[in-house]
Amino acid sequence: MSRRVTMNCHEARRHWSLYHDSEGDAELYAGINEHLSECPDCARWYEQQGGVEKTIEAHLAPPPADAQMWQRLCGQLEAQP
């Protein structure tokens, strides 16, 4: 039977991207969740990182396609030989 080693702050923060992007395995998630439940500083850090990530995603998201964009695109395609 394997014994899970308690994750420290450095490890929990180092694995932020894997955790946020759902790319880690179950053991990683369990370790991070356990650490976050015991460490208010890291829990706050994870929350702040999530806010930063949402802000970046919102600024990088392409604008929604509107009718004028589709008309321009169709016009460009029709103009091609």
N, C-alpha and C. Protein backbone atom coordinates (compact mmCIF):
# COMPACT_ATOMS: atom_id res chain seq x y z
N MET A 1 0.84 -1.17 0.00
CA MET A 1 0.00 0.00 0.00
C MET A 1 0.89 1.24 0.00
N SER A 2 0.62 2.17 -0.96
CA SER A 2 1.46 3.36 -1.04
C SER A 2 0.94 4.44 -0.09
N ARG A 3 1.88 5.17 0.44
CA ARG A 3 1.55 6.24 1.36
C ARG A 3 1.76 7.56 0.63
N ARG A 4 0.71 8.38 0.55
CA ARG A 4 0.82 9.65 -0.15
C ARG A 4 1.57 10.64 0.74
N VAL A 5 2.54 11.30 0.15
CA VAL A 5 3.31 12.31 0.86
C VAL A 5 2.56 13.63 0.76
N THR A 6 2.47 14.34 1.87
CA THR A 6 1.78 15.62 1.89
C THR A 6 2.52 16.62 1.00
N MET A 7 1.77 17.31 0.18
CA MET A 7 2.34 18.27 -0.75
C MET A 7 2.65 19.57 -0.01
N ASN A 8 3.76 20.21 -0.37
CA ASN A 8 4.09 21.49 0.24
C ASN A 8 3.65 22.64 -0.69
N CYS A 9 3.80 23.87 -0.22
CA CYS A 9 3.35 25.04 -0.98
C CYS A 9 4.03 25.13 -2.35
N HIS A 10 5.32 24.92 -2.37
CA HIS A 10 6.06 25.01 -3.63
C HIS A 10 5.52 24.00 -4.65
N GLU A 11 5.31 22.78 -4.23
CA GLU A 11 4.80 21.75 -5.13
C GLU A 11 3.38 22.07 -5.60
N ALA A 12 2.54 22.50 -4.67
CA ALA A 12 1.15 22.82 -5.03
C ALA A 12 1.11 23.94 -6.07
N ARG A 13 1.92 24.95 -5.89
CA ARG A 13 1.93 26.07 -6.84
C ARG A 13 2.60 25.71 -8.16
N ARG A 14 3.59 24.85 -8.09
CA ARG A 14 4.28 24.41 -9.31
C ARG A 14 3.34 23.65 -10.24
N HIS A 15 2.36 22.97 -9.67
CA HIS A 15 1.42 22.16 -10.47
C HIS A 15 0.13 22.90 -10.82
N TRP A 16 0.12 24.23 -10.64
CA TRP A 16 -1.07 25.03 -10.94
C TRP A 16 -1.62 24.75 -12.33
N SER A 17 -0.78 24.80 -13.34
CA SER A 17 -1.25 24.65 -14.72
C SER A 17 -1.89 23.29 -14.96
N LEU A 18 -1.26 22.24 -14.46
CA LEU A 18 -1.84 20.90 -14.62
C LEU A 18 -3.20 20.82 -13.95
N TYR A 19 -3.30 21.38 -12.76
CA TYR A 19 -4.55 21.35 -12.00
C TYR A 19 -5.62 22.17 -12.72
N HIS A 20 -5.28 23.37 -13.11
CA HIS A 20 -6.24 24.26 -13.76
C HIS A 20 -6.70 23.72 -15.11
N ASP A 21 -5.80 23.13 -15.87
CA ASP A 21 -6.12 22.64 -17.20
C ASP A 21 -6.63 21.20 -17.20
N SER A 22 -6.84 20.65 -16.02
CA SER A 22 -7.33 19.26 -15.88
C SER A 22 -6.43 18.26 -16.58
N GLU A 23 -5.14 18.43 -16.44
CA GLU A 23 -4.18 17.55 -17.11
C GLU A 23 -3.45 16.63 -16.13
N GLY A 24 -3.69 16.79 -14.85
CA GLY A 24 -3.02 15.97 -13.86
C GLY A 24 -3.76 14.66 -13.62
N ASP A 25 -3.12 13.78 -12.89
CA ASP A 25 -3.78 12.51 -12.55
C ASP A 25 -4.51 12.65 -11.22
N ALA A 26 -5.24 11.62 -10.85
CA ALA A 26 -6.07 11.66 -9.64
C ALA A 26 -5.24 11.89 -8.38
N GLU A 27 -4.05 11.32 -8.33
CA GLU A 27 -3.19 11.49 -7.16
C GLU A 27 -2.74 12.95 -7.02
N LEU A 28 -2.43 13.58 -8.15
CA LEU A 28 -2.04 14.98 -8.11
C LEU A 28 -3.19 15.85 -7.60
N TYR A 29 -4.39 15.62 -8.14
CA TYR A 29 -5.56 16.40 -7.69
C TYR A 29 -5.82 16.20 -6.20
N ALA A 30 -5.73 14.97 -5.76
CA ALA A 30 -5.96 14.68 -4.35
C ALA A 30 -4.94 15.40 -3.48
N GLY A 31 -3.68 15.37 -3.88
CA GLY A 31 -2.63 16.04 -3.13
C GLY A 31 -2.82 17.54 -3.08
N ILE A 32 -3.17 18.12 -4.22
CA ILE A 32 -3.38 19.57 -4.26
C ILE A 32 -4.62 19.94 -3.45
N ASN A 33 -5.70 19.21 -3.63
CA ASN A 33 -6.92 19.51 -2.88
C ASN A 33 -6.70 19.39 -1.37
N GLU A 34 -5.96 18.40 -0.97
CA GLU A 34 -5.64 18.23 0.45
C GLU A 34 -4.83 19.43 0.94
N HIS A 35 -3.83 19.81 0.16
CA HIS A 35 -3.00 20.94 0.56
C HIS A 35 -3.83 22.23 0.64
N LEU A 36 -4.67 22.46 -0.36
CA LEU A 36 -5.48 23.68 -0.38
C LEU A 36 -6.45 23.74 0.80
N SER A 37 -6.93 22.57 1.23
CA SER A 37 -7.84 22.56 2.37
C SER A 37 -7.13 22.88 3.68
N GLU A 38 -5.81 22.72 3.70
CA GLU A 38 -5.03 22.95 4.91
C GLU A 38 -4.20 24.24 4.88
N CYS A 39 -4.10 24.87 3.71
CA CYS A 39 -3.22 26.02 3.56
C CYS A 39 -4.00 27.21 2.98
N PRO A 40 -4.45 28.12 3.83
CA PRO A 40 -5.21 29.26 3.32
C PRO A 40 -4.41 30.15 2.37
N ASP A 41 -3.10 30.25 2.54
CA ASP A 41 -2.29 31.06 1.63
C ASP A 41 -2.32 30.50 0.21
N CYS A 42 -2.17 29.20 0.08
CA CYS A 42 -2.20 28.58 -1.25
C CYS A 42 -3.62 28.58 -1.82
N ALA A 43 -4.62 28.39 -0.98
CA ALA A 43 -6.00 28.44 -1.45
C ALA A 43 -6.29 29.83 -2.04
N ARG A 44 -5.83 30.87 -1.37
CA ARG A 44 -6.01 32.24 -1.85
C ARG A 44 -5.22 32.44 -3.14
N TRP A 45 -3.99 31.91 -3.19
CA TRP A 45 -3.15 32.03 -4.38
C TRP A 45 -3.82 31.36 -5.58
N TYR A 46 -4.36 30.15 -5.37
CA TYR A 46 -5.05 29.44 -6.45
C TYR A 46 -6.26 30.24 -6.93
N GLU A 47 -6.99 30.84 -6.02
CA GLU A 47 -8.15 31.66 -6.39
C GLU A 47 -7.70 32.87 -7.21
N GLN A 48 -6.62 33.51 -6.80
CA GLN A 48 -6.10 34.66 -7.53
C GLN A 48 -5.62 34.25 -8.92
N GLN A 49 -4.92 33.13 -8.99
CA GLN A 49 -4.45 32.63 -10.29
C GLN A 49 -5.63 32.35 -11.22
N GLY A 50 -6.69 31.79 -10.66
CA GLY A 50 -7.89 31.53 -11.46
C GLY A 50 -8.47 32.82 -12.02
N GLY A 51 -8.47 33.88 -11.21
CA GLY A 51 -8.95 35.18 -11.68
C GLY A 51 -8.07 35.75 -12.78
N VAL A 52 -6.76 35.62 -12.62
CA VAL A 52 -5.83 36.09 -13.65
C VAL A 52 -6.08 35.31 -14.95
N GLU A 53 -6.23 34.01 -14.83
CA GLU A 53 -6.47 33.17 -16.00
C GLU A 53 -7.75 33.58 -16.73
N LYS A 54 -8.82 33.83 -15.98
CA LYS A 54 -10.09 34.25 -16.59
C LYS A 54 -9.95 35.59 -17.29
N THR A 55 -9.21 36.51 -16.69
CA THR A 55 -8.99 37.83 -17.30
C THR A 55 -8.22 37.69 -18.60
N ILE A 56 -7.19 36.88 -18.60
CA ILE A 56 -6.39 36.67 -19.81
C ILE A 56 -7.25 36.03 -20.90
N GLU A 57 -8.00 34.99 -20.54
CA GLU A 57 -8.85 34.33 -21.52
C GLU A 57 -9.87 35.30 -22.12
N ALA A 58 -10.44 36.17 -21.29
CA ALA A 58 -11.44 37.12 -21.77
C ALA A 58 -10.82 38.11 -22.76
N HIS A 59 -9.58 38.52 -22.51
CA HIS A 59 -8.92 39.47 -23.40
C HIS A 59 -8.41 38.83 -24.69
N LEU A 60 -8.15 37.54 -24.65
CA LEU A 60 -7.64 36.84 -25.83
C LEU A 60 -8.74 36.22 -26.68
N ALA A 61 -9.94 36.16 -26.15
CA ALA A 61 -11.04 35.54 -26.89
C ALA A 61 -11.36 36.37 -28.12
N PRO A 62 -11.56 35.73 -29.25
CA PRO A 62 -11.92 36.48 -30.45
C PRO A 62 -13.33 37.05 -30.31
N PRO A 63 -13.58 38.18 -30.95
CA PRO A 63 -14.92 38.74 -30.87
C PRO A 63 -15.91 37.81 -31.59
N PRO A 64 -17.16 37.84 -31.17
CA PRO A 64 -18.13 36.97 -31.84
C PRO A 64 -18.34 37.41 -33.29
N ALA A 65 -18.59 36.45 -34.13
CA ALA A 65 -18.84 36.74 -35.55
C ALA A 65 -20.19 37.43 -35.69
N ASP A 66 -20.20 38.51 -36.45
CA ASP A 66 -21.46 39.21 -36.70
C ASP A 66 -21.79 39.12 -38.19
N ALA A 67 -22.94 39.62 -38.57
CA ALA A 67 -23.40 39.52 -39.96
C ALA A 67 -22.44 40.24 -40.91
N GLN A 68 -21.91 41.39 -40.51
CA GLN A 68 -20.98 42.13 -41.37
C GLN A 68 -19.70 41.35 -41.62
N MET A 69 -19.21 40.65 -40.60
CA MET A 69 -18.00 39.85 -40.77
C MET A 69 -18.26 38.75 -41.79
N TRP A 70 -19.40 38.09 -41.69
CA TRP A 70 -19.71 37.02 -42.65
C TRP A 70 -19.85 37.57 -44.06
N GLN A 71 -20.44 38.75 -44.21
CA GLN A 71 -20.59 39.35 -45.54
C GLN A 71 -19.22 39.67 -46.13
N ARG A 72 -18.31 40.22 -45.32
CA ARG A 72 -16.95 40.51 -45.80
C ARG A 72 -16.24 39.23 -46.22
N LEU A 73 -16.37 38.20 -45.41
CA LEU A 73 -15.72 36.93 -45.71
C LEU A 73 -16.27 36.32 -46.99
N CYS A 74 -17.57 36.31 -47.14
CA CYS A 74 -18.18 35.77 -48.37
C CYS A 74 -17.75 36.58 -49.58
N GLY A 75 -17.70 37.89 -49.43
CA GLY A 75 -17.24 38.76 -50.54
C GLY A 75 -15.81 38.46 -50.93
N GLN A 76 -14.95 38.23 -49.96
CA GLN A 76 -13.56 37.90 -50.26
C GLN A 76 -13.44 36.55 -50.95
N LEU A 77 -14.24 35.60 -50.52
CA LEU A 77 -14.20 34.27 -51.15
C LEU A 77 -14.72 34.32 -52.57
N GLU A 78 -15.77 35.09 -52.81
CA GLU A 78 -16.32 35.20 -54.17
C GLU A 78 -15.37 35.93 -55.09
N ALA A 79 -14.56 36.81 -54.56
CA ALA A 79 -13.62 37.59 -55.37
C ALA A 79 -12.40 36.78 -55.80
N GLN A 80 -12.17 35.66 -55.14
CA GLN A 80 -11.01 34.83 -55.48
C GLN A 80 -11.28 34.04 -56.75
N PRO A 81 -10.24 33.92 -57.61
CA PRO A 81 -10.42 33.15 -58.87
C PRO A 81 -10.62 31.67 -58.62
